[in-house]
Amino acid sequence: MEAIIPVIVASLCVYGLIKRVNIFESFVEGVKEGFETVRFIAPTMIALLVAVGTLRASGALDFIAELITPLADKIGFPPELVPMGLLRPVSGSGATAILTGIYEDCGPDSFVGRCASVVAGSTETTFYAVTMYYGAAGIKKIRHTLVSALLADLTAIAVSVVIVGLIFGP
């Protein structure tokens, strides 16, 4: 298993030699294109990381979660999932930290743990994905993409709780 990468690289080199491709020149061109992509995307990614860090460090996420939790509790939505639902579209690592906390507090086989697992698997880090893909393509106006993607995340979160409830019971 450890030899898979060297085997792939060697196979590509042999294929390039057979096709009479200047392998080193092609490699250098690919690296140049990669650096150009990084140079183009880096400012957007830095801005996103600063925004996520500010959101988490300022306590804004906790404040918004506290506002939403009573409503979530009234409609039967597990209040422990509110912070994860808020952070998942913004930060995958932050949502994973919340998921780990849910596992530690409630257990992975609890209703909330199962719901959190399904939420983690059925939602996307929307802001990151939009930033990366649109940034790489040079698209400045995201139009309806962000709203649609966030609605898809919200739907996935709500349906996750319903499906886990139907399969495992609350």
N, C-alpha and C. Protein backbone atom coordinates (compact mmCIF):
# COMPACT_ATOMS: atom_id res chain seq x y z
N MET A 1 0.82 -1.19 0.00
CA MET A 1 0.00 0.00 0.00
C MET A 1 0.86 1.26 0.00
N GLU A 2 2.03 1.17 0.66
CA GLU A 2 2.90 2.33 0.73
C GLU A 2 3.53 2.65 -0.62
N ALA A 3 3.54 1.71 -1.52
CA ALA A 3 4.20 1.90 -2.81
C ALA A 3 3.27 2.48 -3.87
N ILE A 4 2.02 2.72 -3.53
CA ILE A 4 1.06 3.13 -4.54
C ILE A 4 1.43 4.47 -5.20
N ILE A 5 1.84 5.45 -4.43
CA ILE A 5 2.21 6.76 -5.00
C ILE A 5 3.44 6.63 -5.89
N PRO A 6 4.53 5.99 -5.42
CA PRO A 6 5.68 5.83 -6.33
C PRO A 6 5.33 5.05 -7.60
N VAL A 7 4.46 4.06 -7.49
CA VAL A 7 4.05 3.29 -8.67
C VAL A 7 3.29 4.18 -9.65
N ILE A 8 2.40 5.01 -9.14
CA ILE A 8 1.64 5.92 -10.00
C ILE A 8 2.58 6.91 -10.69
N VAL A 9 3.51 7.50 -9.92
CA VAL A 9 4.46 8.46 -10.49
C VAL A 9 5.32 7.78 -11.55
N ALA A 10 5.82 6.60 -11.24
CA ALA A 10 6.65 5.88 -12.21
C ALA A 10 5.86 5.54 -13.47
N SER A 11 4.61 5.13 -13.30
CA SER A 11 3.76 4.82 -14.45
C SER A 11 3.54 6.05 -15.33
N LEU A 12 3.31 7.19 -14.70
CA LEU A 12 3.14 8.43 -15.47
C LEU A 12 4.42 8.79 -16.22
N CYS A 13 5.56 8.60 -15.58
CA CYS A 13 6.84 8.89 -16.25
C CYS A 13 7.05 7.95 -17.44
N VAL A 14 6.78 6.67 -17.27
CA VAL A 14 6.93 5.71 -18.37
C VAL A 14 5.96 6.06 -19.50
N TYR A 15 4.73 6.39 -19.17
CA TYR A 15 3.74 6.77 -20.18
C TYR A 15 4.21 8.02 -20.94
N GLY A 16 4.74 9.00 -20.19
CA GLY A 16 5.25 10.21 -20.83
C GLY A 16 6.41 9.92 -21.76
N LEU A 17 7.30 9.03 -21.35
CA LEU A 17 8.43 8.65 -22.21
C LEU A 17 7.95 7.95 -23.49
N ILE A 18 6.97 7.08 -23.34
CA ILE A 18 6.42 6.38 -24.50
C ILE A 18 5.78 7.37 -25.47
N LYS A 19 5.08 8.37 -24.93
CA LYS A 19 4.40 9.38 -25.77
C LYS A 19 5.35 10.51 -26.20
N ARG A 20 6.62 10.41 -25.78
CA ARG A 20 7.66 11.40 -26.11
C ARG A 20 7.30 12.81 -25.62
N VAL A 21 6.86 12.86 -24.36
CA VAL A 21 6.53 14.13 -23.71
C VAL A 21 7.71 14.53 -22.84
N ASN A 22 8.07 15.81 -22.86
CA ASN A 22 9.11 16.30 -21.97
C ASN A 22 8.50 16.37 -20.57
N ILE A 23 8.75 15.35 -19.77
CA ILE A 23 8.08 15.18 -18.48
C ILE A 23 8.43 16.32 -17.52
N PHE A 24 9.71 16.67 -17.43
CA PHE A 24 10.11 17.72 -16.49
C PHE A 24 9.49 19.06 -16.87
N GLU A 25 9.50 19.39 -18.16
CA GLU A 25 8.90 20.65 -18.61
C GLU A 25 7.40 20.68 -18.32
N SER A 26 6.73 19.58 -18.54
CA SER A 26 5.29 19.50 -18.24
C SER A 26 5.04 19.66 -16.75
N PHE A 27 5.89 19.05 -15.94
CA PHE A 27 5.77 19.16 -14.49
C PHE A 27 5.95 20.61 -14.04
N VAL A 28 6.97 21.29 -14.56
CA VAL A 28 7.23 22.68 -14.19
C VAL A 28 6.06 23.57 -14.62
N GLU A 29 5.50 23.34 -15.78
CA GLU A 29 4.34 24.11 -16.23
C GLU A 29 3.15 23.91 -15.29
N GLY A 30 2.95 22.68 -14.86
CA GLY A 30 1.87 22.40 -13.91
C GLY A 30 2.07 23.10 -12.59
N VAL A 31 3.30 23.13 -12.11
CA VAL A 31 3.61 23.83 -10.86
C VAL A 31 3.34 25.33 -11.02
N LYS A 32 3.73 25.89 -12.17
CA LYS A 32 3.48 27.32 -12.42
C LYS A 32 1.98 27.62 -12.39
N GLU A 33 1.19 26.77 -13.03
CA GLU A 33 -0.26 26.96 -13.03
C GLU A 33 -0.83 26.84 -11.61
N GLY A 34 -0.29 25.90 -10.83
CA GLY A 34 -0.73 25.74 -9.45
C GLY A 34 -0.45 26.98 -8.62
N PHE A 35 0.76 27.55 -8.77
CA PHE A 35 1.09 28.78 -8.05
C PHE A 35 0.20 29.93 -8.46
N GLU A 36 -0.14 30.00 -9.73
CA GLU A 36 -1.03 31.07 -10.22
C GLU A 36 -2.41 30.93 -9.59
N THR A 37 -2.89 29.71 -9.48
CA THR A 37 -4.19 29.47 -8.84
C THR A 37 -4.15 29.87 -7.37
N VAL A 38 -3.08 29.48 -6.68
CA VAL A 38 -2.94 29.84 -5.26
C VAL A 38 -2.88 31.36 -5.11
N ARG A 39 -2.12 32.03 -5.98
CA ARG A 39 -2.02 33.48 -5.91
C ARG A 39 -3.38 34.14 -6.11
N PHE A 40 -4.19 33.55 -6.95
CA PHE A 40 -5.51 34.11 -7.24
C PHE A 40 -6.49 33.86 -6.09
N ILE A 41 -6.40 32.67 -5.46
CA ILE A 41 -7.38 32.28 -4.42
C ILE A 41 -6.97 32.74 -3.02
N ALA A 42 -5.68 32.90 -2.76
CA ALA A 42 -5.18 33.17 -1.42
C ALA A 42 -5.86 34.36 -0.72
N PRO A 43 -6.02 35.51 -1.35
CA PRO A 43 -6.66 36.62 -0.64
C PRO A 43 -8.08 36.29 -0.17
N THR A 44 -8.83 35.60 -0.99
CA THR A 44 -10.19 35.22 -0.62
C THR A 44 -10.17 34.24 0.54
N MET A 45 -9.27 33.27 0.49
CA MET A 45 -9.19 32.28 1.57
C MET A 45 -8.74 32.93 2.88
N ILE A 46 -7.79 33.85 2.82
CA ILE A 46 -7.34 34.53 4.02
C ILE A 46 -8.48 35.33 4.64
N ALA A 47 -9.25 36.01 3.79
CA ALA A 47 -10.40 36.78 4.28
C ALA A 47 -11.42 35.86 4.95
N LEU A 48 -11.68 34.70 4.34
CA LEU A 48 -12.63 33.75 4.92
C LEU A 48 -12.13 33.23 6.26
N LEU A 49 -10.86 32.88 6.35
CA LEU A 49 -10.30 32.37 7.61
C LEU A 49 -10.34 33.43 8.71
N VAL A 50 -10.06 34.67 8.35
CA VAL A 50 -10.13 35.76 9.34
C VAL A 50 -11.57 35.94 9.81
N ALA A 51 -12.52 35.89 8.88
CA ALA A 51 -13.93 36.05 9.24
C ALA A 51 -14.39 34.93 10.17
N VAL A 52 -13.99 33.69 9.88
CA VAL A 52 -14.37 32.55 10.73
C VAL A 52 -13.74 32.70 12.11
N GLY A 53 -12.46 33.06 12.15
CA GLY A 53 -11.78 33.25 13.43
C GLY A 53 -12.43 34.35 14.25
N THR A 54 -12.80 35.43 13.61
CA THR A 54 -13.46 36.54 14.29
C THR A 54 -14.83 36.11 14.82
N LEU A 55 -15.57 35.38 14.01
CA LEU A 55 -16.90 34.90 14.42
C LEU A 55 -16.80 34.02 15.66
N ARG A 56 -15.84 33.12 15.66
CA ARG A 56 -15.69 32.21 16.80
C ARG A 56 -15.14 32.92 18.03
N ALA A 57 -14.12 33.76 17.84
CA ALA A 57 -13.47 34.41 18.97
C ALA A 57 -14.32 35.49 19.61
N SER A 58 -15.19 36.13 18.83
CA SER A 58 -15.99 37.23 19.36
C SER A 58 -17.16 36.76 20.21
N GLY A 59 -17.50 35.49 20.11
CA GLY A 59 -18.65 34.98 20.84
C GLY A 59 -19.95 35.16 20.09
N ALA A 60 -19.87 35.67 18.85
CA ALA A 60 -21.08 35.88 18.05
C ALA A 60 -21.80 34.57 17.79
N LEU A 61 -21.05 33.52 17.53
CA LEU A 61 -21.66 32.21 17.28
C LEU A 61 -22.45 31.74 18.50
N ASP A 62 -21.85 31.88 19.67
CA ASP A 62 -22.54 31.47 20.90
C ASP A 62 -23.79 32.31 21.14
N PHE A 63 -23.70 33.60 20.86
CA PHE A 63 -24.84 34.50 21.04
C PHE A 63 -25.99 34.11 20.11
N ILE A 64 -25.68 33.86 18.85
CA ILE A 64 -26.72 33.46 17.88
C ILE A 64 -27.31 32.11 18.28
N ALA A 65 -26.47 31.19 18.72
CA ALA A 65 -26.96 29.88 19.15
C ALA A 65 -27.90 30.00 20.34
N GLU A 66 -27.58 30.89 21.29
CA GLU A 66 -28.45 31.10 22.45
C GLU A 66 -29.80 31.68 22.03
N LEU A 67 -29.81 32.52 21.00
CA LEU A 67 -31.07 33.07 20.50
C LEU A 67 -31.94 32.01 19.84
N ILE A 68 -31.31 31.10 19.12
CA ILE A 68 -32.04 30.09 18.35
C ILE A 68 -32.44 28.88 19.19
N THR A 69 -31.68 28.56 20.22
CA THR A 69 -31.91 27.34 21.01
C THR A 69 -33.32 27.22 21.56
N PRO A 70 -33.94 28.26 22.16
CA PRO A 70 -35.31 28.08 22.67
C PRO A 70 -36.32 27.71 21.57
N LEU A 71 -36.18 28.31 20.41
CA LEU A 71 -37.06 27.98 19.29
C LEU A 71 -36.82 26.54 18.84
N ALA A 72 -35.56 26.15 18.74
CA ALA A 72 -35.22 24.79 18.33
C ALA A 72 -35.82 23.78 19.31
N ASP A 73 -35.72 24.06 20.59
CA ASP A 73 -36.25 23.17 21.61
C ASP A 73 -37.77 23.03 21.48
N LYS A 74 -38.46 24.13 21.19
CA LYS A 74 -39.92 24.10 21.06
C LYS A 74 -40.39 23.26 19.87
N ILE A 75 -39.62 23.24 18.78
CA ILE A 75 -40.04 22.49 17.59
C ILE A 75 -39.50 21.07 17.57
N GLY A 76 -38.81 20.67 18.65
CA GLY A 76 -38.30 19.31 18.76
C GLY A 76 -36.93 19.10 18.13
N PHE A 77 -36.26 20.17 17.80
CA PHE A 77 -34.91 20.09 17.24
C PHE A 77 -33.92 20.04 18.40
N PRO A 78 -32.99 19.09 18.41
CA PRO A 78 -32.04 18.99 19.52
C PRO A 78 -31.21 20.28 19.66
N PRO A 79 -31.31 20.95 20.79
CA PRO A 79 -30.58 22.22 20.97
C PRO A 79 -29.06 22.06 20.85
N GLU A 80 -28.55 20.86 21.12
CA GLU A 80 -27.11 20.62 21.03
C GLU A 80 -26.59 20.74 19.59
N LEU A 81 -27.52 20.59 18.62
CA LEU A 81 -27.12 20.67 17.21
C LEU A 81 -27.07 22.09 16.67
N VAL A 82 -27.64 23.04 17.40
CA VAL A 82 -27.71 24.42 16.89
C VAL A 82 -26.33 24.98 16.59
N PRO A 83 -25.35 24.91 17.51
CA PRO A 83 -24.03 25.46 17.16
C PRO A 83 -23.40 24.78 15.94
N MET A 84 -23.58 23.48 15.85
CA MET A 84 -23.03 22.75 14.70
C MET A 84 -23.70 23.18 13.40
N GLY A 85 -25.02 23.34 13.45
CA GLY A 85 -25.75 23.79 12.27
C GLY A 85 -25.34 25.19 11.83
N LEU A 86 -25.00 26.03 12.79
CA LEU A 86 -24.56 27.39 12.45
C LEU A 86 -23.14 27.41 11.90
N LEU A 87 -22.27 26.57 12.45
CA LEU A 87 -20.86 26.64 12.08
C LEU A 87 -20.51 25.78 10.87
N ARG A 88 -21.26 24.73 10.61
CA ARG A 88 -20.92 23.81 9.52
C ARG A 88 -20.78 24.50 8.17
N PRO A 89 -21.66 25.40 7.77
CA PRO A 89 -21.47 26.05 6.46
C PRO A 89 -20.24 26.95 6.41
N VAL A 90 -19.71 27.32 7.55
CA VAL A 90 -18.60 28.26 7.60
C VAL A 90 -17.27 27.55 7.81
N SER A 91 -17.24 26.56 8.69
CA SER A 91 -15.96 25.94 9.07
C SER A 91 -16.13 24.44 9.33
N GLY A 92 -15.50 23.64 8.50
CA GLY A 92 -15.56 22.20 8.68
C GLY A 92 -14.84 21.76 9.94
N SER A 93 -13.68 22.36 10.22
CA SER A 93 -12.93 21.97 11.42
C SER A 93 -13.65 22.40 12.68
N GLY A 94 -14.28 23.57 12.65
CA GLY A 94 -15.06 24.02 13.80
C GLY A 94 -16.25 23.12 14.06
N ALA A 95 -16.92 22.72 12.98
CA ALA A 95 -18.07 21.82 13.11
C ALA A 95 -17.63 20.45 13.61
N THR A 96 -16.45 20.01 13.20
CA THR A 96 -15.93 18.73 13.67
C THR A 96 -15.60 18.79 15.16
N ALA A 97 -15.11 19.92 15.60
CA ALA A 97 -14.85 20.10 17.04
C ALA A 97 -16.16 20.03 17.83
N ILE A 98 -17.20 20.65 17.32
CA ILE A 98 -18.51 20.59 17.97
C ILE A 98 -19.04 19.16 17.95
N LEU A 99 -18.86 18.47 16.82
CA LEU A 99 -19.29 17.07 16.70
C LEU A 99 -18.60 16.21 17.75
N THR A 100 -17.30 16.41 17.92
CA THR A 100 -16.55 15.66 18.94
C THR A 100 -17.09 15.95 20.33
N GLY A 101 -17.41 17.22 20.59
CA GLY A 101 -18.00 17.59 21.88
C GLY A 101 -19.35 16.92 22.10
N ILE A 102 -20.16 16.84 21.06
CA ILE A 102 -21.46 16.15 21.16
C ILE A 102 -21.24 14.68 21.48
N TYR A 103 -20.27 14.05 20.82
CA TYR A 103 -19.97 12.65 21.11
C TYR A 103 -19.55 12.47 22.56
N GLU A 104 -18.72 13.37 23.06
CA GLU A 104 -18.24 13.26 24.44
C GLU A 104 -19.35 13.50 25.45
N ASP A 105 -20.23 14.48 25.17
CA ASP A 105 -21.29 14.84 26.11
C ASP A 105 -22.48 13.89 26.05
N CYS A 106 -22.90 13.51 24.84
CA CYS A 106 -24.13 12.74 24.68
C CYS A 106 -23.89 11.29 24.25
N GLY A 107 -22.73 11.03 23.67
CA GLY A 107 -22.43 9.69 23.16
C GLY A 107 -22.74 9.59 21.68
N PRO A 108 -21.93 8.86 20.94
CA PRO A 108 -22.13 8.76 19.49
C PRO A 108 -23.39 7.96 19.12
N ASP A 109 -23.86 7.10 20.00
CA ASP A 109 -25.05 6.30 19.71
C ASP A 109 -26.33 6.91 20.27
N SER A 110 -26.22 8.11 20.84
CA SER A 110 -27.42 8.79 21.32
C SER A 110 -28.16 9.40 20.13
N PHE A 111 -29.38 9.82 20.36
CA PHE A 111 -30.16 10.46 19.30
C PHE A 111 -29.42 11.69 18.76
N VAL A 112 -28.93 12.52 19.66
CA VAL A 112 -28.21 13.74 19.25
C VAL A 112 -26.92 13.37 18.53
N GLY A 113 -26.19 12.36 19.01
CA GLY A 113 -24.96 11.93 18.36
C GLY A 113 -25.20 11.42 16.95
N ARG A 114 -26.26 10.65 16.79
CA ARG A 114 -26.60 10.15 15.45
C ARG A 114 -27.03 11.29 14.53
N CYS A 115 -27.84 12.20 15.06
CA CYS A 115 -28.25 13.36 14.25
C CYS A 115 -27.03 14.17 13.83
N ALA A 116 -26.12 14.39 14.76
CA ALA A 116 -24.91 15.17 14.46
C ALA A 116 -24.07 14.47 13.40
N SER A 117 -24.00 13.15 13.46
CA SER A 117 -23.24 12.39 12.46
C SER A 117 -23.85 12.57 11.07
N VAL A 118 -25.17 12.48 11.00
CA VAL A 118 -25.84 12.63 9.71
C VAL A 118 -25.70 14.06 9.20
N VAL A 119 -25.80 15.03 10.09
CA VAL A 119 -25.61 16.44 9.70
C VAL A 119 -24.20 16.63 9.14
N ALA A 120 -23.20 16.07 9.81
CA ALA A 120 -21.82 16.20 9.34
C ALA A 120 -21.63 15.61 7.95
N GLY A 121 -22.33 14.51 7.69
CA GLY A 121 -22.18 13.86 6.40
C GLY A 121 -23.06 14.39 5.30
N SER A 122 -24.09 15.14 5.64
CA SER A 122 -25.04 15.58 4.62
C SER A 122 -25.00 17.08 4.34
N THR A 123 -24.13 17.79 5.02
CA THR A 123 -24.02 19.23 4.78
C THR A 123 -22.63 19.54 4.21
N GLU A 124 -22.47 20.76 3.79
CA GLU A 124 -21.23 21.19 3.14
C GLU A 124 -20.68 22.42 3.84
N THR A 125 -19.38 22.59 3.75
CA THR A 125 -18.78 23.85 4.21
C THR A 125 -19.00 24.85 3.08
N THR A 126 -20.20 25.37 3.02
CA THR A 126 -20.69 26.15 1.89
C THR A 126 -19.81 27.35 1.57
N PHE A 127 -19.47 28.14 2.56
CA PHE A 127 -18.69 29.35 2.27
C PHE A 127 -17.31 28.98 1.73
N TYR A 128 -16.71 27.94 2.27
CA TYR A 128 -15.41 27.49 1.78
C TYR A 128 -15.53 27.02 0.33
N ALA A 129 -16.52 26.17 0.05
CA ALA A 129 -16.68 25.63 -1.30
C ALA A 129 -16.94 26.73 -2.31
N VAL A 130 -17.84 27.65 -1.98
CA VAL A 130 -18.14 28.74 -2.90
C VAL A 130 -16.90 29.61 -3.11
N THR A 131 -16.19 29.89 -2.02
CA THR A 131 -14.98 30.70 -2.13
C THR A 131 -13.95 30.03 -3.02
N MET A 132 -13.71 28.75 -2.80
CA MET A 132 -12.69 28.04 -3.58
C MET A 132 -13.08 27.90 -5.05
N TYR A 133 -14.26 27.39 -5.32
CA TYR A 133 -14.63 27.09 -6.70
C TYR A 133 -14.88 28.36 -7.51
N TYR A 134 -15.58 29.29 -6.93
CA TYR A 134 -15.84 30.53 -7.67
C TYR A 134 -14.56 31.35 -7.78
N GLY A 135 -13.73 31.32 -6.74
CA GLY A 135 -12.46 32.03 -6.80
C GLY A 135 -11.55 31.45 -7.86
N ALA A 136 -11.47 30.13 -7.94
CA ALA A 136 -10.63 29.48 -8.94
C ALA A 136 -11.11 29.77 -10.35
N ALA A 137 -12.42 29.89 -10.51
CA ALA A 137 -12.99 30.15 -11.83
C ALA A 137 -13.02 31.64 -12.15
N GLY A 138 -12.69 32.48 -11.17
CA GLY A 138 -12.68 33.92 -11.41
C GLY A 138 -14.06 34.55 -11.42
N ILE A 139 -15.02 33.89 -10.81
CA ILE A 139 -16.40 34.40 -10.77
C ILE A 139 -16.54 35.31 -9.57
N LYS A 140 -16.98 36.54 -9.79
CA LYS A 140 -17.12 37.52 -8.72
C LYS A 140 -18.54 37.54 -8.14
N LYS A 141 -19.54 37.37 -8.99
CA LYS A 141 -20.93 37.44 -8.53
C LYS A 141 -21.46 36.03 -8.30
N ILE A 142 -21.80 35.77 -7.05
CA ILE A 142 -22.26 34.41 -6.73
C ILE A 142 -23.78 34.27 -6.88
N ARG A 143 -24.44 35.38 -7.12
CA ARG A 143 -25.88 35.42 -7.35
C ARG A 143 -26.65 34.54 -6.39
N HIS A 144 -27.32 33.56 -6.91
CA HIS A 144 -28.22 32.74 -6.09
C HIS A 144 -27.53 31.50 -5.52
N THR A 145 -26.28 31.30 -5.84
CA THR A 145 -25.58 30.10 -5.38
C THR A 145 -25.54 30.01 -3.87
N LEU A 146 -25.15 31.09 -3.21
CA LEU A 146 -24.99 31.05 -1.77
C LEU A 146 -26.33 30.80 -1.07
N VAL A 147 -27.37 31.49 -1.50
CA VAL A 147 -28.69 31.30 -0.89
C VAL A 147 -29.17 29.86 -1.10
N SER A 148 -29.02 29.35 -2.31
CA SER A 148 -29.44 27.98 -2.60
C SER A 148 -28.65 26.97 -1.79
N ALA A 149 -27.34 27.18 -1.69
CA ALA A 149 -26.50 26.24 -0.94
C ALA A 149 -26.84 26.27 0.55
N LEU A 150 -27.08 27.45 1.10
CA LEU A 150 -27.44 27.54 2.52
C LEU A 150 -28.81 26.93 2.78
N LEU A 151 -29.74 27.09 1.86
CA LEU A 151 -31.05 26.44 1.99
C LEU A 151 -30.90 24.92 1.91
N ALA A 152 -30.00 24.44 1.07
CA ALA A 152 -29.74 23.01 0.99
C ALA A 152 -29.16 22.50 2.32
N ASP A 153 -28.25 23.27 2.92
CA ASP A 153 -27.71 22.88 4.22
C ASP A 153 -28.79 22.86 5.29
N LEU A 154 -29.63 23.87 5.31
CA LEU A 154 -30.72 23.93 6.28
C LEU A 154 -31.67 22.75 6.10
N THR A 155 -32.00 22.43 4.86
CA THR A 155 -32.86 21.29 4.57
C THR A 155 -32.20 19.99 5.04
N ALA A 156 -30.91 19.84 4.76
CA ALA A 156 -30.20 18.63 5.18
C ALA A 156 -30.20 18.49 6.70
N ILE A 157 -30.03 19.59 7.41
CA ILE A 157 -30.02 19.55 8.87
C ILE A 157 -31.40 19.13 9.39
N ALA A 158 -32.45 19.74 8.87
CA ALA A 158 -33.81 19.42 9.32
C ALA A 158 -34.18 17.97 8.97
N VAL A 159 -33.89 17.56 7.76
CA VAL A 159 -34.23 16.20 7.33
C VAL A 159 -33.41 15.17 8.09
N SER A 160 -32.17 15.51 8.45
CA SER A 160 -31.34 14.60 9.24
C SER A 160 -32.03 14.23 10.55
N VAL A 161 -32.56 15.24 11.22
CA VAL A 161 -33.23 15.00 12.51
C VAL A 161 -34.48 14.15 12.30
N VAL A 162 -35.24 14.44 11.25
CA VAL A 162 -36.47 13.69 10.98
C VAL A 162 -36.15 12.23 10.66
N ILE A 163 -35.17 12.01 9.76
CA ILE A 163 -34.84 10.63 9.36
C ILE A 163 -34.27 9.83 10.53
N VAL A 164 -33.36 10.43 11.29
CA VAL A 164 -32.81 9.71 12.45
C VAL A 164 -33.94 9.40 13.44
N GLY A 165 -34.87 10.33 13.61
CA GLY A 165 -36.02 10.08 14.49
C GLY A 165 -36.88 8.93 13.99
N LEU A 166 -37.09 8.86 12.67
CA LEU A 166 -37.91 7.77 12.10
C LEU A 166 -37.21 6.43 12.22
N ILE A 167 -35.91 6.41 12.01
CA ILE A 167 -35.17 5.14 12.02
C ILE A 167 -34.88 4.66 13.45
N PHE A 168 -34.38 5.56 14.28
CA PHE A 168 -33.93 5.16 15.62
C PHE A 168 -34.84 5.61 16.74
N GLY A 169 -35.75 6.53 16.46
CA GLY A 169 -36.60 7.09 17.51
C GLY A 169 -35.86 8.15 18.30
N PRO A 170 -36.60 9.12 18.86
CA PRO A 170 -35.93 10.20 19.58
C PRO A 170 -35.34 9.81 20.92
